């Protein structure tokens, strides 16, 4: 059981481990990415991220605290002038560990540790990612009802449009129907007059006797 083993000693004494992490933090700040083993990278992440957070406050006290950890003026200048500007809006999580496989020889797990805001390729990929859409959990009955609703909507549209079409048709056909009715009335009048003439011809005059 690993009780009270919060620190990975990395097989080194306290002074050796402190010097190693200081040198690795300086290299990470200057080069923005270093290649090392996974346990060292995890120990470095705990060591360097509080230093980067301290650099957001550009004061004399902050510079003294950072210099006490790094012991390198160039790294302190790079941290306060360049790195702190990049990570100003990021609330922690300044580093990323990318595993690369195992080292040939002792089979140690190897990785890259880098500053997140200085990897341009990863930033482009994250900006071009599409927004995730949440799938709705609908029942099969709802899915089956969708085509019917679409058909009903189309039929209702046709029904709404039908009166307008009929109105247009009636308006176009109204003159023709009046003409046809006038012709029919004239034909009826002519036929009635002809029938009256025939009846008058068959009727006897006043001097003639009616036929038996």
Protein backbone atom coordinates (compact mmCIF):
# COMPACT_ATOMS: atom_id res chain seq x y z
CA UNK A 1 0.00 0.00 0.00
CA UNK A 2 1.29 3.41 -0.97
CA UNK A 3 0.26 5.49 2.01
CA UNK A 4 1.66 9.02 2.12
CA UNK A 5 3.48 8.61 -1.21
CA UNK A 6 2.25 11.83 -2.80
CA UNK A 7 5.61 12.74 -4.36
CA UNK A 8 7.35 10.65 -7.00
CA UNK A 9 10.99 10.85 -5.90
CA UNK A 10 12.15 9.66 -9.36
CA UNK A 11 15.03 7.73 -7.78
CA UNK A 12 16.81 10.94 -6.76
CA UNK A 13 17.55 12.91 -3.65
CA UNK A 14 15.62 16.05 -2.85
CA UNK A 15 18.34 18.45 -4.07
CA UNK A 16 18.97 16.43 -7.24
CA UNK A 17 15.26 16.24 -8.01
CA UNK A 18 14.80 19.99 -7.42
CA UNK A 19 17.69 20.86 -9.73
CA UNK A 20 16.42 18.49 -12.43
CA UNK A 21 12.87 19.92 -12.37
CA UNK A 22 14.25 23.47 -12.43
CA UNK A 23 16.31 22.70 -15.53
CA UNK A 24 13.36 20.95 -17.22
CA UNK A 25 11.05 23.88 -16.46
CA UNK A 26 13.59 26.30 -17.94
CA UNK A 27 13.86 24.17 -21.09
CA UNK A 28 10.07 23.96 -21.39
CA UNK A 29 9.66 27.73 -21.09
CA UNK A 30 12.41 28.46 -23.61
CA UNK A 31 11.56 25.77 -26.20
CA UNK A 32 7.82 25.33 -25.47
CA UNK A 33 8.15 21.51 -25.85
CA UNK A 34 10.52 18.88 -24.48
CA UNK A 35 10.87 15.10 -24.86
CA UNK A 36 11.12 13.08 -21.66
CA UNK A 37 9.69 10.11 -19.77
CA UNK A 38 6.10 10.04 -18.57
CA UNK A 39 6.86 10.07 -14.79
CA UNK A 40 9.22 13.05 -15.20
CA UNK A 41 6.64 14.87 -17.32
CA UNK A 42 3.95 14.38 -14.68
CA UNK A 43 6.29 15.64 -11.96
CA UNK A 44 7.26 18.62 -14.14
CA UNK A 45 3.63 19.53 -14.73
CA UNK A 46 3.04 19.89 -10.98
CA UNK A 47 6.21 21.96 -10.72
CA UNK A 48 5.85 24.36 -13.66
CA UNK A 49 2.15 25.19 -13.70
CA UNK A 50 2.19 27.15 -10.40
CA UNK A 51 5.16 29.08 -11.79
CA UNK A 52 3.20 29.99 -14.94
CA UNK A 53 0.23 31.07 -12.81
CA UNK A 54 2.58 33.31 -10.80
CA UNK A 55 3.79 34.96 -14.03
CA UNK A 56 0.30 36.44 -14.68
CA UNK A 57 1.05 38.98 -11.94
CA UNK A 58 4.02 40.93 -13.32
CA UNK A 59 5.43 42.37 -10.10
CA UNK A 60 8.83 42.44 -8.45
CA UNK A 61 7.80 39.89 -5.87
CA UNK A 62 6.48 37.49 -8.54
CA UNK A 63 9.71 37.79 -10.53
CA UNK A 64 11.78 37.04 -7.42
CA UNK A 65 9.68 33.98 -6.57
CA UNK A 66 9.97 32.65 -10.14
CA UNK A 67 13.71 33.34 -10.31
CA UNK A 68 14.21 31.42 -7.06
CA UNK A 69 12.66 28.36 -8.75
CA UNK A 70 14.24 28.68 -12.22
CA UNK A 71 17.63 30.33 -11.51
CA UNK A 72 17.72 31.64 -15.11
CA UNK A 73 17.20 35.30 -16.08
CA UNK A 74 16.44 34.54 -19.72
CA UNK A 75 13.73 32.05 -18.78
CA UNK A 76 12.19 34.55 -16.35
CA UNK A 77 12.12 37.23 -19.06
CA UNK A 78 10.59 34.83 -21.60
CA UNK A 79 8.00 33.70 -19.07
CA UNK A 80 6.81 37.18 -18.08
CA UNK A 81 6.95 38.79 -21.53
CA UNK A 82 5.80 36.02 -23.89
CA UNK A 83 4.25 33.07 -22.09
CA UNK A 84 2.18 35.07 -19.61
CA UNK A 85 0.59 37.05 -22.49
CA UNK A 86 -0.47 33.83 -24.22
CA UNK A 87 -1.95 32.18 -21.13
CA UNK A 88 -3.60 35.29 -19.71
CA UNK A 89 -7.15 34.03 -20.42
CA UNK A 90 -6.54 30.38 -19.51
CA UNK A 91 -7.51 29.36 -15.94
CA UNK A 92 -4.91 26.60 -15.47
CA UNK A 93 -4.04 23.56 -17.55
CA UNK A 94 -1.13 25.21 -19.35
CA UNK A 95 0.67 21.99 -20.36
CA UNK A 96 -0.20 18.92 -22.40
CA UNK A 97 1.39 15.45 -22.27
CA UNK A 98 1.45 13.43 -25.51
CA UNK A 99 2.64 9.84 -25.16
CA UNK A 100 4.93 8.61 -27.95
CA UNK A 101 5.55 4.97 -27.09
CA UNK A 102 8.37 3.18 -25.30
CA UNK A 103 12.11 3.80 -25.32
CA UNK A 104 14.26 1.17 -26.95
CA UNK A 105 16.59 -0.37 -24.39
CA UNK A 106 14.84 -0.05 -21.04
CA UNK A 107 11.26 0.12 -22.43
CA UNK A 108 10.51 3.34 -20.52
CA UNK A 109 7.28 5.15 -21.43
CA UNK A 110 8.20 8.30 -23.38
CA UNK A 111 6.20 11.44 -24.14
CA UNK A 112 6.25 15.08 -25.18
CA UNK A 113 5.24 17.76 -22.70
CA UNK A 114 4.37 21.11 -24.28
CA UNK A 115 2.69 24.42 -23.58
CA UNK A 116 -0.87 24.26 -24.85
CA UNK A 117 -1.11 27.77 -26.30
CA UNK A 118 2.03 27.43 -28.44
CA UNK A 119 0.98 24.41 -30.50
CA UNK A 120 -0.50 26.09 -33.58
CA UNK A 121 -1.61 22.84 -35.22
CA UNK A 122 -3.71 21.80 -32.23
CA UNK A 123 -5.22 25.27 -31.97
CA UNK A 124 -6.29 25.15 -35.64
CA UNK A 125 -7.90 21.75 -35.19
CA UNK A 126 -9.84 22.90 -32.15
CA UNK A 127 -11.08 26.05 -33.94
CA UNK A 128 -12.25 24.12 -37.02
CA UNK A 129 -14.19 21.50 -35.07
CA UNK A 130 -17.90 21.59 -35.70
CA UNK A 131 -20.32 22.25 -32.90
CA UNK A 132 -21.72 19.05 -31.46
CA UNK A 133 -25.41 18.53 -31.93
CA UNK A 134 -27.31 16.63 -29.28
CA UNK A 135 -29.39 13.77 -30.59
CA UNK A 136 -32.97 13.77 -29.40
CA UNK A 137 -34.31 10.49 -28.10
CA UNK A 138 -37.59 10.20 -29.90
CA UNK A 139 -39.77 7.12 -30.02
CA UNK A 140 -40.36 5.10 -33.15
CA UNK A 141 -43.97 6.22 -33.19
CA UNK A 142 -42.90 9.85 -33.45
CA UNK A 143 -40.58 8.98 -36.32
CA UNK A 144 -43.38 7.08 -38.08
CA UNK A 145 -45.76 10.00 -37.60
CA UNK A 146 -43.40 12.45 -39.29
CA UNK A 147 -44.24 11.44 -42.92
CA UNK A 148 -47.96 11.64 -42.16
CA UNK A 149 -47.60 15.10 -40.74
CA UNK A 150 -45.65 16.16 -43.81
CA UNK A 151 -48.37 14.75 -46.09
CA UNK A 152 -51.08 16.47 -44.03
CA UNK A 153 -49.27 19.76 -44.24
CA UNK A 154 -49.00 19.47 -48.03
CA UNK A 155 -52.69 18.61 -48.39
CA UNK A 156 -53.72 21.53 -46.20
CA UNK A 157 -51.59 23.82 -48.34
CA UNK A 158 -53.33 22.51 -51.48
CA UNK A 159 -56.77 22.96 -49.92
CA UNK A 160 -55.92 26.52 -48.93
CA UNK A 161 -54.70 27.27 -52.44
CA UNK A 162 -57.72 25.59 -54.12
CA UNK A 163 -60.33 28.37 -53.49
CA UNK A 164 -58.03 30.93 -55.06
CA UNK A 165 -57.64 28.77 -58.16
CA UNK A 166 -61.42 28.17 -58.39
CA UNK A 167 -62.07 31.89 -58.03
CA UNK A 168 -59.73 32.60 -60.91
CA UNK A 169 -61.43 29.96 -63.05
CA UNK A 170 -64.89 31.35 -62.36
CA UNK A 171 -63.76 34.86 -63.14
CA UNK A 172 -62.35 33.72 -66.45
CA UNK A 173 -65.44 31.66 -67.40
CA UNK A 174 -68.17 34.14 -66.37
CA UNK A 175 -68.36 36.02 -69.76
CA UNK A 176 -68.66 32.74 -71.66
CA UNK A 177 -71.55 31.48 -69.51
CA UNK A 178 -73.51 34.71 -70.01
CA UNK A 179 -73.12 34.50 -73.77
CA UNK A 180 -74.20 30.88 -73.74
CA UNK A 181 -77.31 31.71 -71.69
CA UNK A 182 -78.21 34.53 -74.07
CA UNK A 183 -77.91 32.19 -77.05
CA UNK A 184 -80.05 29.58 -75.35
CA UNK A 185 -82.72 32.20 -74.56
CA UNK A 186 -82.73 33.37 -78.18
CA UNK A 187 -83.10 29.81 -79.45
CA UNK A 188 -86.00 29.22 -77.06
CA UNK A 189 -87.71 32.43 -78.25
CA UNK A 190 -87.30 31.47 -81.90
CA UNK A 191 -88.69 27.99 -81.31
CA UNK A 192 -91.67 29.48 -79.44
CA UNK A 193 -92.43 31.92 -82.27
CA UNK A 194 -92.27 29.12 -84.84
CA UNK A 195 -94.68 27.04 -82.83
CA UNK A 196 -97.11 29.98 -82.61
CA UNK A 197 -96.99 30.46 -86.39
CA UNK A 198 -97.78 26.80 -86.97
CA UNK A 199 -100.71 26.93 -84.61
CA UNK A 200 -102.07 30.08 -86.31
CA UNK A 201 -101.81 28.45 -89.73
CA UNK A 202 -103.73 25.38 -88.60
CA UNK A 203 -106.51 27.41 -86.89
CA UNK A 204 -109.75 28.06 -89.14
CA UNK A 205 -110.63 31.56 -90.26
CA UNK A 206 -113.95 33.26 -89.43
CA UNK A 207 -115.70 32.42 -92.78
CA UNK A 208 -114.64 28.78 -92.86
CA UNK A 209 -116.40 25.95 -91.17
CA UNK A 210 -114.47 23.83 -88.84
CA UNK A 211 -113.37 20.51 -90.20
CA UNK A 212 -115.01 17.45 -88.75
